[in-house]
Amino acid sequence: MLSKRSHIIFLLGILLILAACAPIAAPLPDLSGSTPPPDVAFTTPDGETVQLSDYKGKVLFVNFWGTYCPPCLDEMPDLQAAYEKLAADDFVILGVNVEESPEKVTSWTQENGITFPIAISDDGTINPVLALHRMPTTWFIDADGILRGKIEGQMSAQLIERVARILLEEE
């Protein structure tokens, strides 16, 4: 027969096992933003100009990244998977590479199977203009063109899809 102390230790052990097995959801970013982002223009590797307003009517994630940034590269397959899964639902990811040449960006995206739209700010002038302090940074823009929130740092696949679905359901 178990003593009272052994019984408590046994129950605590069960609780620890259950807690360790429970999925831990990453906290959602604050999505209460209510103003549009600055309508900056970016250049694609092919030399075309794109603006954030070009994507109005779609949920848009703007992911600022670089090949020099390990968390950026770790996040890319998850962004690509979300893009493939949700593109038919008016969801777009615009990857904005910061401070690298069009040739390097094109080579890296082709080698790694990235098919969502890519733009470049190869001189880094957008960093202070857009208050980019950390890579990766992702902006969440709703279908009405409102910057709802952002995350500085790498996102998990689950968080990417969760935020996208929240904004898509509001359409």
C-alpha atoms as a PDB file:
ATOM      1  CA  MET A   1       0.000   0.000   0.000  1.00  0.00           C
ATOM      2  CA  LEU A   2       1.322   3.449  -0.928  1.00  0.00           C
ATOM      3  CA  SER A   3       2.028   5.965   1.793  1.00  0.00           C
ATOM      4  CA  LYS A   4       0.508   9.410   1.505  1.00  0.00           C
ATOM      5  CA  ARG A   5       3.873  10.843   0.433  1.00  0.00           C
ATOM      6  CA  SER A   6       4.389   8.162  -2.220  1.00  0.00           C
ATOM      7  CA  HIS A   7       0.856   8.753  -3.479  1.00  0.00           C
ATOM      8  CA  ILE A   8       1.545  12.494  -3.905  1.00  0.00           C
ATOM      9  CA  ILE A   9       4.845  11.825  -5.679  1.00  0.00           C
ATOM     10  CA  PHE A  10       3.106   9.348  -7.974  1.00  0.00           C
ATOM     11  CA  LEU A  11       0.399  11.898  -8.861  1.00  0.00           C
ATOM     12  CA  LEU A  12       2.957  14.629  -9.453  1.00  0.00           C
ATOM     13  CA  GLY A  13       4.838  12.279 -11.788  1.00  0.00           C
ATOM     14  CA  ILE A  14       1.655  11.602 -13.778  1.00  0.00           C
ATOM     15  CA  LEU A  15       0.964  15.349 -14.027  1.00  0.00           C
ATOM     16  CA  LEU A  16       4.500  16.033 -15.252  1.00  0.00           C
ATOM     17  CA  ILE A  17       4.192  13.366 -17.924  1.00  0.00           C
ATOM     18  CA  LEU A  18       0.864  14.784 -19.091  1.00  0.00           C
ATOM     19  CA  ALA A  19       2.239  18.314 -19.139  1.00  0.00           C
ATOM     20  CA  ALA A  20       5.265  17.223 -21.161  1.00  0.00           C
ATOM     21  CA  CYS A  21       3.039  15.555 -23.751  1.00  0.00           C
ATOM     22  CA  ALA A  22       0.619  18.450 -24.143  1.00  0.00           C
ATOM     23  CA  PRO A  23       1.155  20.547 -27.237  1.00  0.00           C
ATOM     24  CA  ILE A  24       2.340  24.017 -26.368  1.00  0.00           C
ATOM     25  CA  ALA A  25       0.896  26.629 -28.666  1.00  0.00           C
ATOM     26  CA  ALA A  26       3.097  29.570 -29.438  1.00  0.00           C
ATOM     27  CA  PRO A  27       1.504  32.796 -28.310  1.00  0.00           C
ATOM     28  CA  LEU A  28      -0.371  34.658 -30.987  1.00  0.00           C
ATOM     29  CA  PRO A  29       0.983  38.046 -31.925  1.00  0.00           C
ATOM     30  CA  ASP A  30      -1.139  41.094 -31.214  1.00  0.00           C
ATOM     31  CA  LEU A  31      -3.394  41.374 -34.275  1.00  0.00           C
ATOM     32  CA  SER A  32      -5.225  44.531 -33.208  1.00  0.00           C
ATOM     33  CA  GLY A  33      -3.395  46.891 -35.576  1.00  0.00           C
ATOM     34  CA  SER A  34      -5.687  49.301 -37.395  1.00  0.00           C
ATOM     35  CA  THR A  35      -3.526  51.332 -39.771  1.00  0.00           C
ATOM     36  CA  PRO A  36      -2.160  50.517 -43.199  1.00  0.00           C
ATOM     37  CA  PRO A  37       1.561  49.875 -43.550  1.00  0.00           C
ATOM     38  CA  PRO A  38       3.660  52.377 -45.460  1.00  0.00           C
ATOM     39  CA  ASP A  39       3.093  51.658 -49.149  1.00  0.00           C
ATOM     40  CA  VAL A  40       6.731  51.139 -49.956  1.00  0.00           C
ATOM     41  CA  ALA A  41       7.900  49.912 -53.327  1.00  0.00           C
ATOM     42  CA  PHE A  42      10.233  46.971 -53.710  1.00  0.00           C
ATOM     43  CA  THR A  43      12.014  45.574 -56.746  1.00  0.00           C
ATOM     44  CA  THR A  44      11.765  41.933 -57.761  1.00  0.00           C
ATOM     45  CA  PRO A  45      14.911  40.087 -58.840  1.00  0.00           C
ATOM     46  CA  ASP A  46      13.632  40.536 -62.425  1.00  0.00           C
ATOM     47  CA  GLY A  47      13.581  44.330 -62.010  1.00  0.00           C
ATOM     48  CA  GLU A  48       9.820  44.781 -61.694  1.00  0.00           C
ATOM     49  CA  THR A  49       8.368  47.050 -59.009  1.00  0.00           C
ATOM     50  CA  VAL A  50       5.836  45.778 -56.472  1.00  0.00           C
ATOM     51  CA  GLN A  51       4.039  47.696 -53.764  1.00  0.00           C
ATOM     52  CA  LEU A  52       2.207  46.350 -50.746  1.00  0.00           C
ATOM     53  CA  SER A  53      -1.015  47.903 -52.070  1.00  0.00           C
ATOM     54  CA  ASP A  54      -0.733  45.587 -55.110  1.00  0.00           C
ATOM     55  CA  TYR A  55      -1.871  42.782 -52.803  1.00  0.00           C
ATOM     56  CA  LYS A  56      -4.991  44.478 -51.395  1.00  0.00           C
ATOM     57  CA  GLY A  57      -7.851  41.980 -51.291  1.00  0.00           C
ATOM     58  CA  LYS A  58      -5.536  39.209 -50.135  1.00  0.00           C
ATOM     59  CA  VAL A  59      -4.133  38.314 -46.730  1.00  0.00           C
ATOM     60  CA  LEU A  60      -0.459  39.215 -47.049  1.00  0.00           C
ATOM     61  CA  PHE A  61       2.501  38.182 -44.939  1.00  0.00           C
ATOM     62  CA  VAL A  62       5.568  40.320 -45.661  1.00  0.00           C
ATOM     63  CA  ASN A  63       8.605  38.380 -44.520  1.00  0.00           C
ATOM     64  CA  PHE A  64      11.862  40.356 -44.268  1.00  0.00           C
ATOM     65  CA  TRP A  65      14.786  37.934 -44.495  1.00  0.00           C
ATOM     66  CA  GLY A  66      18.325  37.271 -45.669  1.00  0.00           C
ATOM     67  CA  THR A  67      20.410  34.243 -46.600  1.00  0.00           C
ATOM     68  CA  TYR A  68      22.935  35.388 -43.949  1.00  0.00           C
ATOM     69  CA  CYS A  69      20.292  34.782 -41.244  1.00  0.00           C
ATOM     70  CA  PRO A  70      20.014  31.159 -39.979  1.00  0.00           C
ATOM     71  CA  PRO A  71      16.535  31.634 -38.401  1.00  0.00           C
ATOM     72  CA  CYS A  72      15.331  33.136 -41.699  1.00  0.00           C
ATOM     73  CA  LEU A  73      16.515  30.074 -43.607  1.00  0.00           C
ATOM     74  CA  ASP A  74      15.009  27.689 -41.035  1.00  0.00           C
ATOM     75  CA  GLU A  75      11.643  29.447 -41.383  1.00  0.00           C
ATOM     76  CA  MET A  76      11.524  29.405 -45.205  1.00  0.00           C
ATOM     77  CA  PRO A  77      10.280  25.807 -45.680  1.00  0.00           C
ATOM     78  CA  ASP A  78       7.402  26.506 -43.258  1.00  0.00           C
ATOM     79  CA  LEU A  79       6.483  29.705 -45.093  1.00  0.00           C
ATOM     80  CA  GLN A  80       6.609  27.837 -48.410  1.00  0.00           C
ATOM     81  CA  ALA A  81       4.368  25.066 -47.060  1.00  0.00           C
ATOM     82  CA  ALA A  82       1.803  27.599 -45.788  1.00  0.00           C
ATOM     83  CA  TYR A  83       1.902  29.433 -49.114  1.00  0.00           C
ATOM     84  CA  GLU A  84       1.248  26.222 -51.053  1.00  0.00           C
ATOM     85  CA  LYS A  85      -1.520  25.175 -48.698  1.00  0.00           C
ATOM     86  CA  LEU A  86      -3.373  28.511 -48.538  1.00  0.00           C
ATOM     87  CA  ALA A  87      -2.639  30.311 -51.835  1.00  0.00           C
ATOM     88  CA  ALA A  88      -6.033  29.317 -53.235  1.00  0.00           C
ATOM     89  CA  ASP A  89      -7.644  31.100 -50.278  1.00  0.00           C
ATOM     90  CA  ASP A  90      -6.308  34.562 -51.243  1.00  0.00           C
ATOM     91  CA  PHE A  91      -3.195  34.215 -49.107  1.00  0.00           C
ATOM     92  CA  VAL A  92       0.162  35.551 -50.299  1.00  0.00           C
ATOM     93  CA  ILE A  93       3.618  35.722 -48.822  1.00  0.00           C
ATOM     94  CA  LEU A  94       5.970  38.399 -50.103  1.00  0.00           C
ATOM     95  CA  GLY A  95       9.528  37.609 -49.129  1.00  0.00           C
ATOM     96  CA  VAL A  96      11.594  40.805 -48.990  1.00  0.00           C
ATOM     97  CA  ASN A  97      15.286  40.023 -48.970  1.00  0.00           C
ATOM     98  CA  VAL A  98      17.326  42.687 -47.229  1.00  0.00           C
ATOM     99  CA  GLU A  99      20.841  43.654 -48.356  1.00  0.00           C
ATOM    100  CA  GLU A 100      21.661  40.982 -50.940  1.00  0.00           C
ATOM    101  CA  SER A 101      22.066  40.969 -54.703  1.00  0.00           C
ATOM    102  CA  PRO A 102      19.303  39.841 -57.052  1.00  0.00           C
ATOM    103  CA  GLU A 103      21.580  37.076 -58.372  1.00  0.00           C
ATOM    104  CA  LYS A 104      22.252  35.646 -54.927  1.00  0.00           C
ATOM    105  CA  VAL A 105      18.566  35.786 -53.956  1.00  0.00           C
ATOM    106  CA  THR A 106      17.400  34.199 -57.209  1.00  0.00           C
ATOM    107  CA  SER A 107      19.966  31.421 -56.916  1.00  0.00           C
ATOM    108  CA  TRP A 108      19.043  30.665 -53.289  1.00  0.00           C
ATOM    109  CA  THR A 109      15.270  30.683 -53.838  1.00  0.00           C
ATOM    110  CA  GLN A 110      15.548  28.432 -56.900  1.00  0.00           C
ATOM    111  CA  GLU A 111      17.843  25.967 -55.118  1.00  0.00           C
ATOM    112  CA  ASN A 112      15.446  25.796 -52.163  1.00  0.00           C
ATOM    113  CA  GLY A 113      12.139  25.580 -54.045  1.00  0.00           C
ATOM    114  CA  ILE A 114      10.725  28.918 -52.882  1.00  0.00           C
ATOM    115  CA  THR A 115       7.839  29.861 -55.168  1.00  0.00           C
ATOM    116  CA  PHE A 116       6.128  32.707 -53.334  1.00  0.00           C
ATOM    117  CA  PRO A 117       6.855  36.222 -54.634  1.00  0.00           C
ATOM    118  CA  ILE A 118      10.268  37.652 -53.743  1.00  0.00           C
ATOM    119  CA  ALA A 119      11.416  41.251 -53.711  1.00  0.00           C
ATOM    120  CA  ILE A 120      14.731  42.827 -52.742  1.00  0.00           C
ATOM    121  CA  SER A 121      15.992  45.826 -50.848  1.00  0.00           C
ATOM    122  CA  ASP A 122      19.627  45.261 -51.686  1.00  0.00           C
ATOM    123  CA  ASP A 123      20.969  48.442 -50.089  1.00  0.00           C
ATOM    124  CA  GLY A 124      19.298  48.005 -46.686  1.00  0.00           C
ATOM    125  CA  THR A 125      17.716  51.463 -46.729  1.00  0.00           C
ATOM    126  CA  ILE A 126      14.377  50.036 -45.649  1.00  0.00           C
ATOM    127  CA  ASN A 127      15.710  48.927 -42.260  1.00  0.00           C
ATOM    128  CA  PRO A 128      15.412  52.320 -40.546  1.00  0.00           C
ATOM    129  CA  VAL A 129      12.394  53.419 -42.623  1.00  0.00           C
ATOM    130  CA  LEU A 130      10.375  50.347 -41.615  1.00  0.00           C
ATOM    131  CA  ALA A 131      11.919  49.994 -38.145  1.00  0.00           C
ATOM    132  CA  LEU A 132      13.350  46.559 -38.911  1.00  0.00           C
ATOM    133  CA  HIS A 133      15.462  45.586 -35.931  1.00  0.00           C
ATOM    134  CA  ARG A 134      15.651  41.803 -36.227  1.00  0.00           C
ATOM    135  CA  MET A 135      15.590  39.195 -38.974  1.00  0.00           C
ATOM    136  CA  PRO A 136      13.326  37.568 -39.764  1.00  0.00           C
ATOM    137  CA  THR A 137      10.474  39.998 -39.221  1.00  0.00           C
ATOM    138  CA  THR A 138       7.038  39.228 -40.599  1.00  0.00           C
ATOM    139  CA  TRP A 139       4.196  41.690 -41.035  1.00  0.00           C
ATOM    140  CA  PHE A 140       0.589  40.477 -41.098  1.00  0.00           C
ATOM    141  CA  ILE A 141      -1.621  42.524 -43.428  1.00  0.00           C
ATOM    142  CA  ASP A 142      -5.320  41.735 -43.750  1.00  0.00           C
ATOM    143  CA  ALA A 143      -7.360  41.721 -46.969  1.00  0.00           C
ATOM    144  CA  ASP A 144      -8.355  45.364 -46.383  1.00  0.00           C
ATOM    145  CA  GLY A 145      -4.691  46.378 -46.438  1.00  0.00           C
ATOM    146  CA  ILE A 146      -4.413  46.959 -42.684  1.00  0.00           C
ATOM    147  CA  LEU A 147      -1.174  46.078 -40.861  1.00  0.00           C
ATOM    148  CA  ARG A 148      -2.647  43.937 -38.111  1.00  0.00           C
ATOM    149  CA  GLY A 149       0.604  42.975 -36.379  1.00  0.00           C
ATOM    150  CA  LYS A 150       4.116  41.630 -36.728  1.00  0.00           C
ATOM    151  CA  ILE A 151       6.546  39.135 -35.278  1.00  0.00           C
ATOM    152  CA  GLU A 152      10.266  39.683 -34.937  1.00  0.00           C
ATOM    153  CA  GLY A 153      12.010  36.325 -35.046  1.00  0.00           C
ATOM    154  CA  GLN A 154      11.368  32.885 -36.456  1.00  0.00           C
ATOM    155  CA  MET A 155       7.817  31.527 -36.535  1.00  0.00           C
ATOM    156  CA  SER A 156       6.793  27.886 -36.285  1.00  0.00           C
ATOM    157  CA  ALA A 157       4.780  26.249 -39.050  1.00  0.00           C
ATOM    158  CA  GLN A 158       1.815  26.057 -36.702  1.00  0.00           C
ATOM    159  CA  LEU A 159       1.934  29.755 -35.879  1.00  0.00           C
ATOM    160  CA  ILE A 160       2.240  30.759 -39.537  1.00  0.00           C
ATOM    161  CA  GLU A 161      -0.848  28.783 -40.458  1.00  0.00           C
ATOM    162  CA  ARG A 162      -2.779  29.835 -37.352  1.00  0.00           C
ATOM    163  CA  VAL A 163      -2.303  33.568 -37.984  1.00  0.00           C
ATOM    164  CA  ALA A 164      -3.088  33.133 -41.693  1.00  0.00           C
ATOM    165  CA  ARG A 165      -6.327  31.281 -40.947  1.00  0.00           C
ATOM    166  CA  ILE A 166      -7.423  33.901 -38.396  1.00  0.00           C
ATOM    167  CA  LEU A 167      -7.009  36.671 -40.943  1.00  0.00           C
ATOM    168  CA  LEU A 168      -8.533  34.631 -43.782  1.00  0.00           C
ATOM    169  CA  GLU A 169     -11.633  33.879 -41.697  1.00  0.00           C
ATOM    170  CA  GLU A 170     -12.226  37.615 -41.239  1.00  0.00           C
ATOM    171  CA  GLU A 171     -12.593  38.235 -44.983  1.00  0.00           C
END
